[in-house]
Amino acid sequence: MNRLALDDRDLEILAILSREGRIAKAELARRVNLSPTPCWQRLDRMSRAGLIRGYRAEVALERIAPHVTVFVMVELDTHRAESLQTFERAVARIEQVTACWALGGGYDYLMQVIATDVAAYQALMDGLLESRAGVKRYYSYIVTKPVKSAPPPLRALRDGSS
């Protein structure tokens, strides 16, 4: 995959957008010390290159309804490509699975599940087990409180610093 060369101003644009996706373009330009047209050209170039996948709101779920967030470590029965694809297709259809990552190491996947309560989470997992998606075992970790949620460290990643 080709990487796009990004300067500090590009990274600042991306950092601001990752924190404040609804920022007005004129305000974004002002904050990165550019006039609107060059700022928009940079934003357009990065969008066309696939660096910006979308814009989302960070919703205060507790203000909408009670819920529980659960991280789930999943181990599959087998590791054939077909088994991995079957599991991934099953998970893609479950709305309450808000994120899922394939892992290297002891477990095969890490899922983030948001459900109305523990009983709803367990019903979801029972359904996943019954679906023959290939789950051998899973381990649930219920979030008791959020501690940190932040955008990625763009400059450190680009520069290779820790």
N, C-alpha and C. Protein backbone atom coordinates (compact mmCIF):
# COMPACT_ATOMS: atom_id res chain seq x y z
N MET A 1 0.84 -1.18 0.00
CA MET A 1 0.00 0.00 0.00
C MET A 1 0.88 1.24 0.00
N ASN A 2 0.59 2.17 -0.89
CA ASN A 2 1.35 3.40 -0.96
C ASN A 2 0.95 4.35 0.16
N ARG A 3 1.97 4.91 0.78
CA ARG A 3 1.72 5.89 1.84
C ARG A 3 1.78 7.28 1.25
N LEU A 4 0.90 8.12 1.73
CA LEU A 4 0.88 9.51 1.29
C LEU A 4 1.85 10.29 2.15
N ALA A 5 2.69 11.10 1.51
CA ALA A 5 3.63 11.94 2.27
C ALA A 5 2.83 13.04 2.95
N LEU A 6 2.95 13.12 4.26
CA LEU A 6 2.21 14.11 5.04
C LEU A 6 3.17 15.03 5.77
N ASP A 7 2.93 16.32 5.68
CA ASP A 7 3.74 17.25 6.44
C ASP A 7 3.03 17.55 7.77
N ASP A 8 3.66 18.38 8.58
CA ASP A 8 3.09 18.69 9.90
C ASP A 8 1.71 19.32 9.80
N ARG A 9 1.49 20.14 8.79
CA ARG A 9 0.19 20.79 8.65
C ARG A 9 -0.89 19.76 8.30
N ASP A 10 -0.57 18.80 7.43
CA ASP A 10 -1.51 17.72 7.12
C ASP A 10 -1.88 16.95 8.38
N LEU A 11 -0.86 16.64 9.17
CA LEU A 11 -1.11 15.90 10.42
C LEU A 11 -1.96 16.71 11.38
N GLU A 12 -1.75 18.02 11.42
CA GLU A 12 -2.55 18.86 12.31
C GLU A 12 -4.01 18.88 11.84
N ILE A 13 -4.22 18.95 10.54
CA ILE A 13 -5.59 18.88 9.99
C ILE A 13 -6.24 17.58 10.42
N LEU A 14 -5.54 16.47 10.23
CA LEU A 14 -6.10 15.16 10.60
C LEU A 14 -6.35 15.06 12.11
N ALA A 15 -5.43 15.59 12.90
CA ALA A 15 -5.59 15.53 14.36
C ALA A 15 -6.82 16.33 14.80
N ILE A 16 -7.00 17.50 14.24
CA ILE A 16 -8.16 18.32 14.59
C ILE A 16 -9.44 17.62 14.17
N LEU A 17 -9.47 17.08 12.96
CA LEU A 17 -10.66 16.38 12.48
C LEU A 17 -10.97 15.14 13.32
N SER A 18 -9.94 14.44 13.80
CA SER A 18 -10.19 13.24 14.60
C SER A 18 -10.77 13.59 15.96
N ARG A 19 -10.53 14.81 16.43
CA ARG A 19 -11.10 15.27 17.71
C ARG A 19 -12.41 16.00 17.51
N GLU A 20 -12.52 16.76 16.40
CA GLU A 20 -13.65 17.65 16.18
C GLU A 20 -14.14 17.52 14.74
N GLY A 21 -14.79 16.43 14.42
CA GLY A 21 -15.20 16.16 13.04
C GLY A 21 -16.14 17.17 12.45
N ARG A 22 -16.88 17.92 13.28
CA ARG A 22 -17.85 18.89 12.77
C ARG A 22 -17.27 20.30 12.64
N ILE A 23 -16.00 20.45 12.78
CA ILE A 23 -15.41 21.79 12.70
C ILE A 23 -15.67 22.39 11.31
N ALA A 24 -15.99 23.66 11.28
CA ALA A 24 -16.20 24.36 10.01
C ALA A 24 -14.87 24.45 9.26
N LYS A 25 -14.94 24.38 7.95
CA LYS A 25 -13.71 24.42 7.15
C LYS A 25 -12.94 25.72 7.36
N ALA A 26 -13.64 26.83 7.50
CA ALA A 26 -12.96 28.11 7.73
C ALA A 26 -12.22 28.09 9.07
N GLU A 27 -12.85 27.51 10.09
CA GLU A 27 -12.20 27.42 11.41
C GLU A 27 -11.02 26.47 11.36
N LEU A 28 -11.17 25.37 10.64
CA LEU A 28 -10.05 24.43 10.47
C LEU A 28 -8.87 25.15 9.81
N ALA A 29 -9.14 25.89 8.75
CA ALA A 29 -8.08 26.62 8.05
C ALA A 29 -7.40 27.61 8.99
N ARG A 30 -8.20 28.34 9.77
CA ARG A 30 -7.64 29.32 10.71
C ARG A 30 -6.73 28.63 11.73
N ARG A 31 -7.18 27.47 12.25
CA ARG A 31 -6.42 26.79 13.30
C ARG A 31 -5.11 26.19 12.80
N VAL A 32 -5.02 25.87 11.51
CA VAL A 32 -3.76 25.33 10.98
C VAL A 32 -2.98 26.40 10.21
N ASN A 33 -3.44 27.67 10.34
CA ASN A 33 -2.75 28.81 9.76
C ASN A 33 -2.64 28.72 8.24
N LEU A 34 -3.77 28.41 7.59
CA LEU A 34 -3.85 28.39 6.14
C LEU A 34 -5.08 29.17 5.71
N SER A 35 -5.07 29.63 4.48
CA SER A 35 -6.31 30.21 3.95
C SER A 35 -7.23 29.05 3.58
N PRO A 36 -8.54 29.30 3.45
CA PRO A 36 -9.48 28.21 3.23
C PRO A 36 -9.21 27.34 2.01
N THR A 37 -8.85 27.94 0.87
CA THR A 37 -8.65 27.15 -0.35
C THR A 37 -7.51 26.14 -0.22
N PRO A 38 -6.31 26.52 0.21
CA PRO A 38 -5.25 25.52 0.38
C PRO A 38 -5.60 24.46 1.44
N CYS A 39 -6.31 24.88 2.47
CA CYS A 39 -6.71 23.91 3.50
C CYS A 39 -7.66 22.88 2.89
N TRP A 40 -8.65 23.38 2.12
CA TRP A 40 -9.61 22.49 1.48
C TRP A 40 -8.89 21.56 0.49
N GLN A 41 -7.90 22.07 -0.25
CA GLN A 41 -7.16 21.23 -1.20
C GLN A 41 -6.43 20.10 -0.47
N ARG A 42 -5.83 20.40 0.67
CA ARG A 42 -5.16 19.37 1.46
C ARG A 42 -6.18 18.34 1.95
N LEU A 43 -7.29 18.83 2.47
CA LEU A 43 -8.34 17.94 2.97
C LEU A 43 -8.87 17.05 1.85
N ASP A 44 -9.10 17.63 0.69
CA ASP A 44 -9.58 16.87 -0.47
C ASP A 44 -8.56 15.81 -0.90
N ARG A 45 -7.28 16.19 -0.93
CA ARG A 45 -6.22 15.24 -1.32
C ARG A 45 -6.17 14.06 -0.36
N MET A 46 -6.27 14.35 0.94
CA MET A 46 -6.22 13.27 1.93
C MET A 46 -7.48 12.41 1.88
N SER A 47 -8.62 13.03 1.59
CA SER A 47 -9.87 12.26 1.44
C SER A 47 -9.79 11.33 0.24
N ARG A 48 -9.35 11.86 -0.91
CA ARG A 48 -9.24 11.04 -2.11
C ARG A 48 -8.23 9.91 -1.94
N ALA A 49 -7.21 10.13 -1.12
CA ALA A 49 -6.19 9.10 -0.86
C ALA A 49 -6.68 8.04 0.13
N GLY A 50 -7.87 8.24 0.70
CA GLY A 50 -8.41 7.25 1.63
C GLY A 50 -7.95 7.41 3.07
N LEU A 51 -7.34 8.53 3.41
CA LEU A 51 -6.89 8.74 4.79
C LEU A 51 -8.05 9.03 5.73
N ILE A 52 -9.10 9.63 5.21
CA ILE A 52 -10.26 9.97 6.03
C ILE A 52 -11.37 9.01 5.64
N ARG A 53 -11.73 8.12 6.56
CA ARG A 53 -12.73 7.10 6.28
C ARG A 53 -14.15 7.57 6.54
N GLY A 54 -14.31 8.61 7.33
CA GLY A 54 -15.64 9.11 7.62
C GLY A 54 -15.62 10.03 8.82
N TYR A 55 -16.78 10.56 9.13
CA TYR A 55 -16.94 11.47 10.26
C TYR A 55 -18.02 10.87 11.15
N ARG A 56 -17.76 10.86 12.45
CA ARG A 56 -18.72 10.28 13.38
C ARG A 56 -18.87 11.19 14.59
N ALA A 57 -20.02 11.07 15.21
CA ALA A 57 -20.25 11.77 16.46
C ALA A 57 -19.93 10.83 17.61
N GLU A 58 -19.36 11.37 18.67
CA GLU A 58 -19.14 10.59 19.88
C GLU A 58 -20.39 10.78 20.74
N VAL A 59 -21.23 9.75 20.80
CA VAL A 59 -22.54 9.84 21.43
C VAL A 59 -22.43 9.48 22.91
N ALA A 60 -23.07 10.25 23.75
CA ALA A 60 -23.12 9.97 25.19
C ALA A 60 -24.23 8.94 25.42
N LEU A 61 -23.90 7.68 25.30
CA LEU A 61 -24.89 6.61 25.39
C LEU A 61 -25.66 6.63 26.71
N GLU A 62 -24.98 7.00 27.78
CA GLU A 62 -25.65 7.02 29.09
C GLU A 62 -26.79 8.03 29.14
N ARG A 63 -26.78 9.00 28.23
CA ARG A 63 -27.86 9.99 28.18
C ARG A 63 -29.05 9.47 27.38
N ILE A 64 -28.86 8.36 26.67
CA ILE A 64 -29.92 7.79 25.84
C ILE A 64 -30.63 6.65 26.57
N ALA A 65 -29.83 5.71 27.08
CA ALA A 65 -30.42 4.53 27.72
C ALA A 65 -29.33 3.81 28.52
N PRO A 66 -29.74 3.04 29.51
CA PRO A 66 -28.76 2.20 30.20
C PRO A 66 -28.11 1.23 29.20
N HIS A 67 -26.86 0.92 29.44
CA HIS A 67 -26.16 0.00 28.54
C HIS A 67 -24.95 -0.58 29.26
N VAL A 68 -24.38 -1.59 28.66
CA VAL A 68 -23.15 -2.19 29.16
C VAL A 68 -22.22 -2.37 27.96
N THR A 69 -20.95 -2.05 28.17
CA THR A 69 -19.93 -2.29 27.16
C THR A 69 -19.10 -3.47 27.61
N VAL A 70 -18.91 -4.43 26.71
CA VAL A 70 -18.17 -5.65 27.04
C VAL A 70 -17.10 -5.87 25.98
N PHE A 71 -15.89 -6.13 26.43
CA PHE A 71 -14.84 -6.58 25.52
C PHE A 71 -14.79 -8.09 25.61
N VAL A 72 -14.72 -8.74 24.46
CA VAL A 72 -14.82 -10.19 24.41
C VAL A 72 -13.62 -10.74 23.65
N MET A 73 -12.86 -11.60 24.32
CA MET A 73 -11.77 -12.31 23.67
C MET A 73 -12.35 -13.61 23.13
N VAL A 74 -12.13 -13.89 21.86
CA VAL A 74 -12.74 -15.04 21.20
C VAL A 74 -11.65 -15.96 20.66
N GLU A 75 -11.84 -17.25 20.92
CA GLU A 75 -10.98 -18.29 20.35
C GLU A 75 -11.85 -19.17 19.47
N LEU A 76 -11.41 -19.42 18.24
CA LEU A 76 -12.18 -20.24 17.31
C LEU A 76 -11.76 -21.71 17.39
N ASP A 77 -12.66 -22.58 16.91
CA ASP A 77 -12.40 -24.02 16.88
C ASP A 77 -11.22 -24.35 15.97
N THR A 78 -11.22 -23.76 14.79
CA THR A 78 -10.16 -24.03 13.81
C THR A 78 -9.67 -22.71 13.24
N HIS A 79 -8.55 -22.78 12.55
CA HIS A 79 -7.96 -21.58 11.99
C HIS A 79 -7.84 -21.64 10.47
N ARG A 80 -8.71 -22.39 9.86
CA ARG A 80 -8.75 -22.42 8.39
C ARG A 80 -9.35 -21.10 7.90
N ALA A 81 -8.95 -20.69 6.72
CA ALA A 81 -9.45 -19.43 6.16
C ALA A 81 -10.97 -19.41 6.12
N GLU A 82 -11.58 -20.52 5.78
CA GLU A 82 -13.04 -20.62 5.72
C GLU A 82 -13.67 -20.37 7.09
N SER A 83 -13.06 -20.89 8.15
CA SER A 83 -13.57 -20.70 9.51
C SER A 83 -13.48 -19.24 9.93
N LEU A 84 -12.38 -18.59 9.61
CA LEU A 84 -12.20 -17.18 9.92
C LEU A 84 -13.25 -16.34 9.20
N GLN A 85 -13.46 -16.63 7.93
CA GLN A 85 -14.44 -15.88 7.14
C GLN A 85 -15.85 -16.10 7.67
N THR A 86 -16.18 -17.33 8.07
CA THR A 86 -17.50 -17.62 8.63
C THR A 86 -17.74 -16.80 9.88
N PHE A 87 -16.75 -16.77 10.77
CA PHE A 87 -16.89 -15.98 12.00
C PHE A 87 -17.04 -14.50 11.67
N GLU A 88 -16.20 -13.99 10.79
CA GLU A 88 -16.24 -12.56 10.46
C GLU A 88 -17.56 -12.17 9.81
N ARG A 89 -18.13 -13.03 8.97
CA ARG A 89 -19.44 -12.74 8.38
C ARG A 89 -20.53 -12.73 9.45
N ALA A 90 -20.46 -13.66 10.40
CA ALA A 90 -21.45 -13.71 11.48
C ALA A 90 -21.39 -12.45 12.32
N VAL A 91 -20.20 -12.02 12.69
CA VAL A 91 -20.02 -10.84 13.52
C VAL A 91 -20.46 -9.58 12.78
N ALA A 92 -20.21 -9.51 11.49
CA ALA A 92 -20.59 -8.33 10.70
C ALA A 92 -22.10 -8.10 10.73
N ARG A 93 -22.89 -9.14 10.94
CA ARG A 93 -24.35 -9.03 10.96
C ARG A 93 -24.90 -8.64 12.33
N ILE A 94 -24.07 -8.60 13.35
CA ILE A 94 -24.56 -8.31 14.71
C ILE A 94 -24.33 -6.84 15.02
N GLU A 95 -25.41 -6.10 15.10
CA GLU A 95 -25.34 -4.65 15.30
C GLU A 95 -24.66 -4.28 16.62
N GLN A 96 -24.86 -5.08 17.65
CA GLN A 96 -24.30 -4.77 18.97
C GLN A 96 -22.79 -4.93 19.02
N VAL A 97 -22.21 -5.65 18.06
CA VAL A 97 -20.75 -5.74 17.96
C VAL A 97 -20.31 -4.48 17.24
N THR A 98 -19.77 -3.53 18.00
CA THR A 98 -19.43 -2.23 17.44
C THR A 98 -18.00 -2.17 16.90
N ALA A 99 -17.19 -3.14 17.27
CA ALA A 99 -15.82 -3.23 16.74
C ALA A 99 -15.34 -4.66 16.91
N CYS A 100 -14.49 -5.09 16.01
CA CYS A 100 -13.92 -6.44 16.10
C CYS A 100 -12.56 -6.41 15.41
N TRP A 101 -11.58 -6.96 16.08
CA TRP A 101 -10.22 -7.00 15.56
C TRP A 101 -9.72 -8.43 15.54
N ALA A 102 -9.07 -8.84 14.45
CA ALA A 102 -8.36 -10.11 14.39
C ALA A 102 -7.03 -9.91 15.10
N LEU A 103 -6.62 -10.89 15.90
CA LEU A 103 -5.42 -10.76 16.71
C LEU A 103 -4.39 -11.83 16.36
N GLY A 104 -3.13 -11.52 16.61
CA GLY A 104 -2.08 -12.51 16.58
C GLY A 104 -1.79 -12.88 18.02
N GLY A 105 -1.46 -14.11 18.28
CA GLY A 105 -1.19 -14.50 19.66
C GLY A 105 -2.18 -15.54 20.14
N GLY A 106 -2.51 -15.50 21.43
CA GLY A 106 -3.34 -16.54 22.04
C GLY A 106 -4.79 -16.57 21.61
N TYR A 107 -5.42 -15.41 21.46
CA TYR A 107 -6.82 -15.36 21.06
C TYR A 107 -6.91 -14.96 19.60
N ASP A 108 -8.04 -15.26 19.00
CA ASP A 108 -8.20 -14.98 17.58
C ASP A 108 -8.80 -13.62 17.30
N TYR A 109 -9.74 -13.19 18.16
CA TYR A 109 -10.43 -11.93 17.93
C TYR A 109 -10.68 -11.21 19.25
N LEU A 110 -10.77 -9.90 19.17
CA LEU A 110 -11.23 -9.05 20.27
C LEU A 110 -12.44 -8.30 19.74
N MET A 111 -13.57 -8.44 20.43
CA MET A 111 -14.78 -7.74 20.03
C MET A 111 -15.17 -6.73 21.09
N GLN A 112 -15.77 -5.65 20.65
CA GLN A 112 -16.40 -4.69 21.55
C GLN A 112 -17.90 -4.82 21.32
N VAL A 113 -18.63 -5.07 22.39
CA VAL A 113 -20.07 -5.26 22.30
C VAL A 113 -20.75 -4.23 23.19
N ILE A 114 -21.78 -3.59 22.68
CA ILE A 114 -22.59 -2.68 23.48
C ILE A 114 -24.01 -3.23 23.49
N ALA A 115 -24.49 -3.57 24.69
CA ALA A 115 -25.82 -4.16 24.85
C ALA A 115 -26.58 -3.40 25.93
N THR A 116 -27.87 -3.65 26.00
CA THR A 116 -28.70 -2.94 26.98
C THR A 116 -28.37 -3.36 28.41
N ASP A 117 -27.98 -4.62 28.60
CA ASP A 117 -27.61 -5.10 29.93
C ASP A 117 -26.87 -6.42 29.77
N VAL A 118 -26.45 -7.00 30.88
CA VAL A 118 -25.67 -8.24 30.84
C VAL A 118 -26.50 -9.38 30.25
N ALA A 119 -27.79 -9.43 30.58
CA ALA A 119 -28.64 -10.49 30.04
C ALA A 119 -28.73 -10.39 28.51
N ALA A 120 -28.86 -9.19 27.99
CA ALA A 120 -28.91 -9.01 26.53
C ALA A 120 -27.57 -9.40 25.90
N TYR A 121 -26.47 -9.06 26.57
CA TYR A 121 -25.15 -9.47 26.08
C TYR A 121 -25.05 -10.99 26.04
N GLN A 122 -25.49 -11.65 27.11
CA GLN A 122 -25.39 -13.12 27.16
C GLN A 122 -26.27 -13.76 26.08
N ALA A 123 -27.44 -13.20 25.84
CA ALA A 123 -28.31 -13.71 24.78
C ALA A 123 -27.63 -13.58 23.42
N LEU A 124 -26.94 -12.45 23.20
CA LEU A 124 -26.20 -12.25 21.97
C LEU A 124 -25.12 -13.31 21.81
N MET A 125 -24.37 -13.56 22.88
CA MET A 125 -23.30 -14.56 22.81
C MET A 125 -23.86 -15.96 22.63
N ASP A 126 -24.98 -16.27 23.29
CA ASP A 126 -25.63 -17.57 23.09
C ASP A 126 -26.03 -17.75 21.63
N GLY A 127 -26.56 -16.68 21.03
CA GLY A 127 -26.93 -16.73 19.62
C GLY A 127 -25.72 -16.92 18.73
N LEU A 128 -24.62 -16.29 19.06
CA LEU A 128 -23.40 -16.45 18.28
C LEU A 128 -22.89 -17.89 18.38
N LEU A 129 -22.96 -18.48 19.57
CA LEU A 129 -22.55 -19.87 19.74
C LEU A 129 -23.45 -20.82 18.95
N GLU A 130 -24.74 -20.57 18.97
CA GLU A 130 -25.69 -21.42 18.26
C GLU A 130 -25.62 -21.25 16.75
N SER A 131 -25.07 -20.15 16.28
CA SER A 131 -25.01 -19.87 14.84
C SER A 131 -23.96 -20.71 14.12
N ARG A 132 -23.21 -21.44 14.84
CA ARG A 132 -22.13 -22.26 14.26
C ARG A 132 -21.07 -21.39 13.57
N ALA A 133 -20.76 -20.28 14.22
CA ALA A 133 -19.74 -19.38 13.69
C ALA A 133 -18.33 -19.85 14.02
N GLY A 134 -18.22 -20.97 14.74
CA GLY A 134 -16.91 -21.55 15.02
C GLY A 134 -16.28 -21.11 16.32
N VAL A 135 -17.05 -20.54 17.25
CA VAL A 135 -16.48 -20.07 18.51
C VAL A 135 -16.22 -21.28 19.41
N LYS A 136 -14.97 -21.43 19.81
CA LYS A 136 -14.59 -22.51 20.74
C LYS A 136 -14.83 -22.06 22.18
N ARG A 137 -14.34 -20.86 22.50
CA ARG A 137 -14.57 -20.28 23.83
C ARG A 137 -14.41 -18.79 23.74
N TYR A 138 -14.97 -18.11 24.74
CA TYR A 138 -14.85 -16.66 24.79
C TYR A 138 -14.74 -16.22 26.24
N TYR A 139 -14.15 -15.06 26.42
CA TYR A 139 -13.95 -14.48 27.74
C TYR A 139 -14.48 -13.06 27.71
N SER A 140 -15.32 -12.74 28.68
CA SER A 140 -15.99 -11.44 28.72
C SER A 140 -15.35 -10.53 29.76
N TYR A 141 -15.17 -9.27 29.38
CA TYR A 141 -14.63 -8.27 30.28
C TYR A 141 -15.57 -7.06 30.24
N ILE A 142 -16.31 -6.86 31.32
CA ILE A 142 -17.30 -5.80 31.37
C ILE A 142 -16.62 -4.49 31.78
N VAL A 143 -16.88 -3.45 31.01
CA VAL A 143 -16.31 -2.13 31.30
C VAL A 143 -17.06 -1.54 32.49
N THR A 144 -16.30 -1.16 33.52
CA THR A 144 -16.92 -0.55 34.70
C THR A 144 -16.93 0.98 34.61
N LYS A 145 -15.96 1.55 33.90
CA LYS A 145 -15.98 2.98 33.62
C LYS A 145 -14.96 3.28 32.53
N PRO A 146 -15.29 4.23 31.67
CA PRO A 146 -14.30 4.64 30.67
C PRO A 146 -13.21 5.46 31.34
N VAL A 147 -11.99 5.25 30.93
CA VAL A 147 -10.87 5.98 31.50
C VAL A 147 -10.25 6.92 30.47
N LYS A 148 -10.09 6.44 29.24
CA LYS A 148 -9.48 7.27 28.21
C LYS A 148 -9.98 6.83 26.85
N SER A 149 -10.26 7.80 26.02
CA SER A 149 -10.58 7.57 24.62
C SER A 149 -9.97 8.74 23.87
N ALA A 150 -9.03 8.47 23.00
CA ALA A 150 -8.31 9.55 22.33
C ALA A 150 -8.03 9.18 20.88
N PRO A 151 -7.84 10.19 20.05
CA PRO A 151 -7.43 9.91 18.67
C PRO A 151 -6.01 9.36 18.64
N PRO A 152 -5.63 8.73 17.54
CA PRO A 152 -4.28 8.16 17.46
C PRO A 152 -3.20 9.23 17.46
N PRO A 153 -2.00 8.88 17.93
CA PRO A 153 -0.88 9.83 17.98
C PRO A 153 -0.22 9.94 16.60
N LEU A 154 -0.79 10.77 15.75
CA LEU A 154 -0.40 10.82 14.33
C LEU A 154 1.07 11.14 14.12
N ARG A 155 1.58 12.18 14.78
CA ARG A 155 3.00 12.56 14.58
C ARG A 155 3.93 11.45 15.04
N ALA A 156 3.65 10.86 16.19
CA ALA A 156 4.51 9.78 16.70
C ALA A 156 4.51 8.59 15.75
N LEU A 157 3.36 8.28 15.16
CA LEU A 157 3.30 7.17 14.21
C LEU A 157 4.11 7.49 12.95
N ARG A 158 3.93 8.69 12.44
CA ARG A 158 4.68 9.07 11.23
C ARG A 158 6.17 9.10 11.47
N ASP A 159 6.56 9.66 12.63
CA ASP A 159 7.98 9.85 12.90
C ASP A 159 8.64 8.61 13.47
N GLY A 160 7.84 7.61 13.84
CA GLY A 160 8.41 6.39 14.41
C GLY A 160 8.87 6.54 15.84
N SER A 161 8.39 7.57 16.52
CA SER A 161 8.78 7.74 17.93
C SER A 161 7.78 7.06 18.84
N SER A 162 8.21 6.75 20.05
CA SER A 162 7.32 6.04 20.96
C SER A 162 6.52 6.94 21.84
